[in-house]
């Protein structure tokens, strides 16, 4: 029997997504560090994943569960549906900034991990909440001698909520790096008409290369459109970060400490360790 507590990480990635085989960011780097303290089992419970049934059956067989999900999303719904009253403790790593549910539904989880100080007051009704966020600074870091030949970069899904079209008012070479799968046609049309270069996501190292080559990174997402990770990755690579000015969450993050994957892992370990001990 393993001396380390068993941790089941529940997430949902469709097998058609590039992320299914290339998921790397600050969270995955933190989970790798958690393996020194926990026996981590990764369970993809997406409905299209061929292993979903086996993953759901295995879900409660552990000492603690970490669900990676926004409220009312696939993982949140399936974890609630699958687990009965007799279950291990469950923590939710809130992946997003969606409106939380009512207190009773929120307290299904024994602990809430949140990404930004801006979001913490929205879950203040929950008695156990802990900040945990960061980027993988082993990859996201400046590279001396790299020429910054991109004037403006924007990163993220080609969706309206990312507001990449705000690059239209900028001058010089403008680039958007985002997943072409499921791209919004109107967004793509607008960007091409404005002469913005579109590049599909590649590896995590390639994304870091784009940040290093960019003088300015525009993170113009709406409040519920993400952008936290891109903002920190850009900062870690030494680019000048700009926001749209109407998103208090991102405005706040521009002046926050640059949390890395080690901080992320330590916060996750502290919270999960308390649940196991309790």
Protein backbone atom coordinates (compact mmCIF):
# COMPACT_ATOMS: atom_id res chain seq x y z
CA UNK A 1 0.00 0.00 0.00
CA UNK A 2 1.36 3.41 -0.98
CA UNK A 3 2.56 5.64 1.84
CA UNK A 4 1.35 8.65 -0.10
CA UNK A 5 -2.35 9.62 0.03
CA UNK A 6 -4.21 8.73 -3.18
CA UNK A 7 -5.34 11.83 -5.10
CA UNK A 8 -7.79 11.50 -7.96
CA UNK A 9 -7.62 14.44 -10.36
CA UNK A 10 -10.89 14.73 -12.29
CA UNK A 11 -10.86 16.76 -15.49
CA UNK A 12 -12.56 16.78 -18.89
CA UNK A 13 -10.76 17.07 -22.23
CA UNK A 14 -12.37 15.84 -25.48
CA UNK A 15 -10.11 13.39 -27.36
CA UNK A 16 -10.30 15.62 -30.47
CA UNK A 17 -8.68 18.54 -28.64
CA UNK A 18 -4.97 19.30 -28.99
CA UNK A 19 -5.01 19.60 -25.21
CA UNK A 20 -5.69 15.86 -24.94
CA UNK A 21 -2.03 15.15 -25.72
CA UNK A 22 -0.43 18.58 -25.22
CA UNK A 23 -1.90 19.84 -21.96
CA UNK A 24 0.88 21.81 -20.32
CA UNK A 25 0.57 24.91 -18.19
CA UNK A 26 1.13 26.08 -14.64
CA UNK A 27 -1.51 23.71 -13.31
CA UNK A 28 -0.03 20.57 -14.88
CA UNK A 29 3.42 21.64 -13.68
CA UNK A 30 2.03 22.02 -10.16
CA UNK A 31 0.39 18.59 -10.34
CA UNK A 32 3.74 17.07 -11.32
CA UNK A 33 5.23 18.51 -8.12
CA UNK A 34 2.29 17.13 -6.13
CA UNK A 35 3.40 13.64 -7.09
CA UNK A 36 6.13 13.88 -4.46
CA UNK A 37 3.41 14.03 -1.78
CA UNK A 38 0.42 12.26 -3.34
CA UNK A 39 -0.24 9.23 -5.50
CA UNK A 40 -1.85 11.22 -8.33
CA UNK A 41 -4.30 9.44 -10.67
CA UNK A 42 -5.49 11.50 -13.65
CA UNK A 43 -9.11 10.75 -14.61
CA UNK A 44 -10.52 12.19 -17.84
CA UNK A 45 -14.29 12.09 -17.38
CA UNK A 46 -15.25 13.91 -20.57
CA UNK A 47 -18.30 12.19 -22.17
CA UNK A 48 -16.37 11.63 -25.41
CA UNK A 49 -13.32 10.13 -23.71
CA UNK A 50 -13.21 6.34 -24.28
CA UNK A 51 -12.02 5.86 -20.69
CA UNK A 52 -14.86 7.87 -19.14
CA UNK A 53 -16.83 4.94 -17.68
CA UNK A 54 -13.77 3.42 -16.01
CA UNK A 55 -12.69 6.85 -14.76
CA UNK A 56 -16.08 7.53 -13.16
CA UNK A 57 -16.07 4.14 -11.48
CA UNK A 58 -12.62 4.81 -10.08
CA UNK A 59 -13.44 8.36 -8.97
CA UNK A 60 -14.33 7.66 -5.29
CA UNK A 61 -11.51 5.14 -4.79
CA UNK A 62 -8.98 7.51 -3.20
CA UNK A 63 -8.19 9.61 -0.16
CA UNK A 64 -9.08 12.94 -1.73
CA UNK A 65 -10.51 14.21 -5.04
CA UNK A 66 -9.44 17.35 -6.89
CA UNK A 67 -11.98 18.45 -9.51
CA UNK A 68 -10.72 20.85 -12.17
CA UNK A 69 -13.85 22.66 -13.35
CA UNK A 70 -15.86 25.83 -13.47
CA UNK A 71 -19.27 25.86 -11.84
CA UNK A 72 -21.98 23.92 -13.71
CA UNK A 73 -19.45 22.58 -16.21
CA UNK A 74 -18.94 18.93 -17.21
CA UNK A 75 -16.70 17.93 -14.30
CA UNK A 76 -18.77 19.76 -11.69
CA UNK A 77 -21.97 18.10 -12.92
CA UNK A 78 -20.52 14.59 -13.21
CA UNK A 79 -18.70 14.65 -9.87
CA UNK A 80 -21.87 15.75 -8.08
CA UNK A 81 -23.92 13.10 -9.85
CA UNK A 82 -21.42 10.29 -9.27
CA UNK A 83 -20.56 10.80 -5.61
CA UNK A 84 -22.96 9.92 -2.82
CA UNK A 85 -22.86 10.87 0.83
CA UNK A 86 -20.22 8.30 1.66
CA UNK A 87 -17.30 9.74 -0.27
CA UNK A 88 -13.76 11.01 0.18
CA UNK A 89 -13.27 14.75 0.64
CA UNK A 90 -13.56 16.75 -2.58
CA UNK A 91 -11.81 19.99 -3.52
CA UNK A 92 -12.78 22.13 -6.50
CA UNK A 93 -10.08 24.00 -8.40
CA UNK A 94 -12.28 26.68 -9.91
CA UNK A 95 -11.20 26.99 -13.54
CA UNK A 96 -12.84 30.24 -14.53
CA UNK A 97 -14.77 33.15 -13.09
CA UNK A 98 -18.35 32.00 -13.44
CA UNK A 99 -21.02 32.90 -10.89
CA UNK A 100 -20.98 30.43 -8.00
CA UNK A 101 -24.15 28.53 -7.05
CA UNK A 102 -26.14 28.94 -3.87
CA UNK A 103 -24.47 28.20 -0.55
CA UNK A 104 -25.83 24.65 -0.14
CA UNK A 105 -24.70 23.58 -3.62
CA UNK A 106 -21.35 25.34 -3.19
CA UNK A 107 -20.69 23.45 0.04
CA UNK A 108 -20.86 20.10 -1.72
CA UNK A 109 -17.12 20.73 -1.98
CA UNK A 110 -15.02 20.56 1.16
CA UNK A 111 -12.53 23.12 -0.17
CA UNK A 112 -12.46 25.68 -2.96
CA UNK A 113 -9.25 26.74 -4.72
CA UNK A 114 -9.57 30.08 -6.51
CA UNK A 115 -7.18 31.68 -8.99
CA UNK A 116 -7.45 35.43 -8.37
CA UNK A 117 -7.96 37.65 -5.30
CA UNK A 118 -10.68 39.44 -7.29
CA UNK A 119 -12.77 36.25 -7.29
CA UNK A 120 -12.41 35.36 -3.60
CA UNK A 121 -15.26 37.60 -2.31
CA UNK A 122 -17.67 35.79 -4.65
CA UNK A 123 -17.14 32.54 -2.75
CA UNK A 124 -16.90 34.09 0.72
CA UNK A 125 -19.95 32.07 1.83
CA UNK A 126 -17.79 28.93 1.75
CA UNK A 127 -15.84 28.29 4.99
CA UNK A 128 -12.77 26.76 3.34
CA UNK A 129 -11.18 28.53 0.40
CA UNK A 130 -7.57 28.94 -0.63
CA UNK A 131 -5.72 30.82 -3.34
CA UNK A 132 -3.77 28.61 -5.79
CA UNK A 133 -2.45 29.77 -9.13
CA UNK A 134 0.80 30.19 -11.06
CA UNK A 135 2.64 29.61 -14.33
CA UNK A 136 5.42 27.20 -15.23
CA UNK A 137 8.44 29.50 -15.08
CA UNK A 138 10.74 26.69 -16.22
CA UNK A 139 9.27 27.29 -19.69
CA UNK A 140 7.76 30.75 -19.41
CA UNK A 141 10.88 32.85 -18.93
CA UNK A 142 12.93 35.38 -20.91
CA UNK A 143 15.51 34.09 -23.36
CA UNK A 144 18.45 36.49 -23.74
CA UNK A 145 19.17 37.41 -27.34
CA UNK A 146 15.65 36.71 -28.66
CA UNK A 147 14.58 39.37 -31.15
CA UNK A 148 11.21 40.91 -30.37
CA UNK A 149 9.89 41.06 -33.93
CA UNK A 150 6.17 41.02 -33.01
CA UNK A 151 4.72 44.36 -32.00
CA UNK A 152 1.43 43.04 -30.58
CA UNK A 153 0.42 39.53 -29.52
CA UNK A 154 -2.92 38.20 -28.28
CA UNK A 155 -3.33 34.62 -27.04
CA UNK A 156 -6.41 32.47 -26.55
CA UNK A 157 -9.44 30.86 -28.14
CA UNK A 158 -10.73 32.57 -31.28
CA UNK A 159 -13.95 33.53 -29.53
CA UNK A 160 -15.72 36.88 -29.03
CA UNK A 161 -15.06 36.89 -25.26
CA UNK A 162 -11.29 37.09 -25.88
CA UNK A 163 -11.80 40.33 -27.86
CA UNK A 164 -8.78 39.78 -30.11
CA UNK A 165 -10.32 42.30 -32.52
CA UNK A 166 -9.05 45.10 -30.25
CA UNK A 167 -5.69 44.54 -31.94
CA UNK A 168 -7.18 46.38 -34.92
CA UNK A 169 -6.31 49.74 -33.41
CA UNK A 170 -2.66 48.83 -32.85
CA UNK A 171 0.18 49.42 -35.27
CA UNK A 172 2.99 47.15 -36.44
CA UNK A 173 3.03 43.39 -36.74
CA UNK A 174 0.04 41.90 -34.93
CA UNK A 175 -0.34 38.20 -34.15
CA UNK A 176 -3.03 36.05 -32.55
CA UNK A 177 -2.15 32.56 -31.32
CA UNK A 178 -5.27 30.50 -30.66
CA UNK A 179 -6.90 27.13 -31.20
CA UNK A 180 -8.46 26.97 -34.66
CA UNK A 181 -10.76 24.12 -33.59
CA UNK A 182 -14.18 25.59 -32.86
CA UNK A 183 -13.09 29.10 -33.85
CA UNK A 184 -15.77 31.76 -34.20
CA UNK A 185 -16.06 32.51 -37.97
CA UNK A 186 -16.89 36.18 -37.43
CA UNK A 187 -13.83 36.66 -35.23
CA UNK A 188 -11.58 35.00 -37.81
CA UNK A 189 -13.04 37.11 -40.62
CA UNK A 190 -12.54 40.34 -38.68
CA UNK A 191 -8.94 39.58 -37.77
CA UNK A 192 -7.98 38.60 -41.31
CA UNK A 193 -9.64 41.69 -42.73
CA UNK A 194 -7.56 43.81 -40.34
CA UNK A 195 -4.33 42.12 -41.43
CA UNK A 196 -3.74 40.26 -38.16
CA UNK A 197 -1.68 37.05 -38.46
CA UNK A 198 -3.43 33.93 -37.14
CA UNK A 199 -1.37 31.03 -35.79
CA UNK A 200 -2.68 27.80 -34.29
CA UNK A 201 -1.55 26.59 -30.89
CA UNK A 202 1.51 24.35 -30.98
CA UNK A 203 3.59 23.16 -28.06
CA UNK A 204 3.96 24.96 -24.76
CA UNK A 205 7.54 25.83 -25.69
CA UNK A 206 6.36 27.34 -28.98
CA UNK A 207 3.86 29.50 -27.10
CA UNK A 208 6.65 30.72 -24.83
CA UNK A 209 8.59 31.60 -27.98
CA UNK A 210 5.75 33.83 -29.16
CA UNK A 211 5.72 35.67 -25.83
CA UNK A 212 9.50 36.18 -25.99
CA UNK A 213 9.26 37.56 -29.54
CA UNK A 214 6.55 40.07 -28.60
CA UNK A 215 7.08 43.61 -27.38
CA UNK A 216 3.48 43.96 -26.22
CA UNK A 217 0.85 41.38 -25.25
CA UNK A 218 -2.79 42.43 -25.25
CA UNK A 219 -4.99 40.47 -22.82
CA UNK A 220 -8.38 41.99 -23.59
CA UNK A 221 -10.73 39.23 -22.39
CA UNK A 222 -14.01 39.99 -20.69
CA UNK A 223 -14.33 39.31 -16.97
CA UNK A 224 -15.56 35.76 -17.58
CA UNK A 225 -13.35 35.22 -20.63
CA UNK A 226 -10.21 34.06 -18.85
CA UNK A 227 -6.88 35.67 -19.65
CA UNK A 228 -5.29 35.14 -16.23
CA UNK A 229 -2.79 32.56 -17.45
CA UNK A 230 -1.88 34.49 -20.62
CA UNK A 231 -1.27 37.64 -18.57
CA UNK A 232 1.09 35.86 -16.18
CA UNK A 233 2.86 33.96 -18.97
CA UNK A 234 3.49 37.20 -20.84
CA UNK A 235 4.85 38.84 -17.71
CA UNK A 236 7.09 35.83 -17.01
CA UNK A 237 8.56 36.11 -20.54
CA UNK A 238 9.32 39.81 -20.16
CA UNK A 239 6.68 41.27 -22.49
CA UNK A 240 4.76 44.47 -21.77
CA UNK A 241 1.21 43.51 -20.79
CA UNK A 242 -1.86 45.56 -21.72
CA UNK A 243 -5.51 44.99 -20.83
CA UNK A 244 -8.72 46.52 -22.14
CA UNK A 245 -9.12 48.59 -18.97
CA UNK A 246 -12.66 47.44 -18.18
CA UNK A 247 -11.76 44.13 -16.53
CA UNK A 248 -10.92 44.63 -12.82
CA UNK A 249 -9.75 41.04 -12.46
CA UNK A 250 -7.00 41.40 -15.08
CA UNK A 251 -6.17 44.95 -13.99
CA UNK A 252 -5.51 43.62 -10.49
CA UNK A 253 -3.28 40.81 -11.77
CA UNK A 254 -0.96 43.21 -13.56
CA UNK A 255 0.33 44.38 -10.17
CA UNK A 256 0.26 41.06 -8.30
CA UNK A 257 3.35 38.97 -7.50
CA UNK A 258 4.30 36.62 -10.32
CA UNK A 259 3.19 33.31 -8.82
CA UNK A 260 4.97 30.30 -10.27
CA UNK A 261 4.22 26.56 -10.45
CA UNK A 262 6.02 25.93 -7.15
CA UNK A 263 3.75 28.34 -5.32
CA UNK A 264 0.79 26.73 -7.10
CA UNK A 265 1.84 23.23 -6.00
CA UNK A 266 2.49 24.28 -2.40
CA UNK A 267 -0.96 25.86 -2.10
CA UNK A 268 -2.67 22.81 -3.58
CA UNK A 269 -0.68 20.50 -1.32
CA UNK A 270 -1.49 22.52 1.78
CA UNK A 271 -5.23 22.46 1.15
CA UNK A 272 -5.43 18.84 0.03
CA UNK A 273 -3.21 17.73 2.91
CA UNK A 274 -5.59 19.34 5.39
CA UNK A 275 -8.54 17.51 3.86
CA UNK A 276 -6.75 14.17 4.11
CA UNK A 277 -5.77 14.83 7.73
CA UNK A 278 -9.28 15.89 8.66
